[in-house]
Amino acid sequence: MKVVFQYDASPGLAQELARLSVGGISIAPCPEGDLPRVLALMADAEALFHVLRPITAEIVAALKGQLVHAASQSVKGAAEAVGNAAKSAAGKVRGLFK
C-alpha cells in the first residue's frame, strides 16, 4: 500500500516515515507546496495523508477513490498515526480478497 504524506517533513520526520514503511506499506513524504509531485505520487497511491493545509479540489479530483485521512493533530505523533492507519487500511484491503 502506497501512502502519500503531504507535509513539509523535516529530515527527522522523513526518516521516521521511512522506518514505518514496512510490511508492504510505503509512505512517501511530499512537500505541501509541490502540487506536481503530489499529483504524480497519487497516480499509484492508495491513500493520502494531508497535514494542516486544506485538501484542494484539484487533489480530490486526482484521488480516483483512494482513502483520504486528514490529520488535524499536531505534527508530533503524525508519523506514528500514518503508520498505524496505513497498517489498518492495508489489513482491511487484504481482507476483502480472502
Protein backbone atom coordinates (compact mmCIF):
# COMPACT_ATOMS: atom_id res chain seq x y z
CA MET A 1 0.00 0.00 0.00
CA LYS A 2 1.45 3.35 -1.02
CA VAL A 3 0.60 6.34 1.19
CA VAL A 4 1.37 9.92 0.17
CA PHE A 5 2.21 12.01 3.26
CA GLN A 6 1.64 15.59 2.10
CA TYR A 7 3.58 17.76 4.52
CA ASP A 8 6.86 19.68 4.58
CA ALA A 9 8.62 16.89 6.51
CA SER A 10 11.83 17.59 8.36
CA PRO A 11 14.70 15.17 7.80
CA GLY A 12 13.83 13.51 11.13
CA LEU A 13 10.17 13.08 10.20
CA ALA A 14 11.12 11.75 6.76
CA GLN A 15 13.40 9.24 8.49
CA GLU A 16 10.54 8.17 10.80
CA LEU A 17 8.22 7.73 7.81
CA ALA A 18 10.88 5.57 6.16
CA ARG A 19 11.12 3.49 9.37
CA LEU A 20 7.34 2.97 9.29
CA SER A 21 7.42 1.91 5.62
CA VAL A 22 7.44 -1.85 6.23
CA GLY A 23 5.32 -4.89 5.52
CA GLY A 24 4.13 -3.79 2.11
CA ILE A 25 3.44 -0.20 3.23
CA SER A 26 5.34 2.62 1.56
CA ILE A 27 4.94 6.14 2.98
CA ALA A 28 6.14 8.82 0.54
CA PRO A 29 6.60 12.30 2.05
CA CYS A 30 5.86 15.21 -0.26
CA PRO A 31 6.12 18.96 0.46
CA GLU A 32 2.76 20.74 0.72
CA GLY A 33 3.62 23.26 -1.97
CA ASP A 34 4.79 20.72 -4.57
CA LEU A 35 1.49 20.08 -6.37
CA PRO A 36 3.07 18.43 -9.45
CA ARG A 37 4.82 15.90 -7.18
CA VAL A 38 1.63 15.25 -5.15
CA LEU A 39 -0.31 14.57 -8.34
CA ALA A 40 2.46 12.30 -9.68
CA LEU A 41 2.67 10.33 -6.42
CA MET A 42 -1.12 9.97 -6.27
CA ALA A 43 -1.13 8.20 -9.65
CA ASP A 44 -0.39 4.86 -7.95
CA ALA A 45 -1.15 5.58 -4.28
CA GLU A 46 -3.93 4.03 -2.24
CA ALA A 47 -4.06 6.72 0.46
CA LEU A 48 -3.35 10.41 1.02
CA PHE A 49 -2.41 11.77 4.43
CA HIS A 50 -2.56 15.55 4.25
CA VAL A 51 -1.44 17.53 7.30
CA LEU A 52 -2.51 21.09 8.18
CA ARG A 53 -3.43 22.71 4.87
CA PRO A 54 -6.87 22.05 3.32
CA ILE A 55 -7.09 19.47 0.55
CA THR A 56 -7.83 21.26 -2.71
CA ALA A 57 -10.40 20.31 -5.34
CA GLU A 58 -7.55 19.52 -7.73
CA ILE A 59 -6.11 16.95 -5.30
CA VAL A 60 -9.55 15.44 -4.64
CA ALA A 61 -10.06 15.10 -8.41
CA ALA A 62 -6.80 13.11 -8.61
CA LEU A 63 -7.83 10.64 -5.89
CA LYS A 64 -9.84 8.20 -8.03
CA GLY A 65 -11.41 6.60 -4.95
CA GLN A 66 -8.33 6.26 -2.74
CA LEU A 67 -8.58 6.54 1.02
CA VAL A 68 -8.15 10.07 2.42
CA HIS A 69 -7.27 10.70 6.06
CA ALA A 70 -6.98 14.32 7.18
CA ALA A 71 -4.85 14.58 10.33
CA SER A 72 -5.87 17.56 12.43
CA GLN A 73 -3.48 16.73 15.27
CA SER A 74 -0.07 18.29 15.77
CA VAL A 75 2.75 17.02 13.59
CA LYS A 76 4.30 15.39 16.66
CA GLY A 77 2.94 11.88 16.51
CA ALA A 78 1.59 12.27 12.98
CA ALA A 79 4.14 9.82 11.56
CA GLU A 80 3.04 7.14 14.01
CA ALA A 81 -0.62 7.86 13.20
CA VAL A 82 0.14 7.50 9.49
CA GLY A 83 1.87 4.18 10.07
CA ASN A 84 -0.94 2.82 12.24
CA ALA A 85 -3.71 3.95 9.90
CA ALA A 86 -1.89 2.62 6.84
CA LYS A 87 -1.42 -0.79 8.51
CA SER A 88 -5.10 -0.84 9.47
CA ALA A 89 -6.24 0.14 5.96
CA ALA A 90 -3.89 -2.37 4.34
CA GLY A 91 -5.29 -5.12 6.55
CA LYS A 92 -8.85 -4.20 5.61
CA VAL A 93 -7.99 -4.12 1.91
CA ARG A 94 -6.23 -7.50 2.12
CA GLY A 95 -9.28 -8.88 4.00
CA LEU A 96 -11.51 -8.02 1.05
CA PHE A 97 -9.69 -10.50 -1.15
CA LYS A 98 -9.56 -13.52 1.18
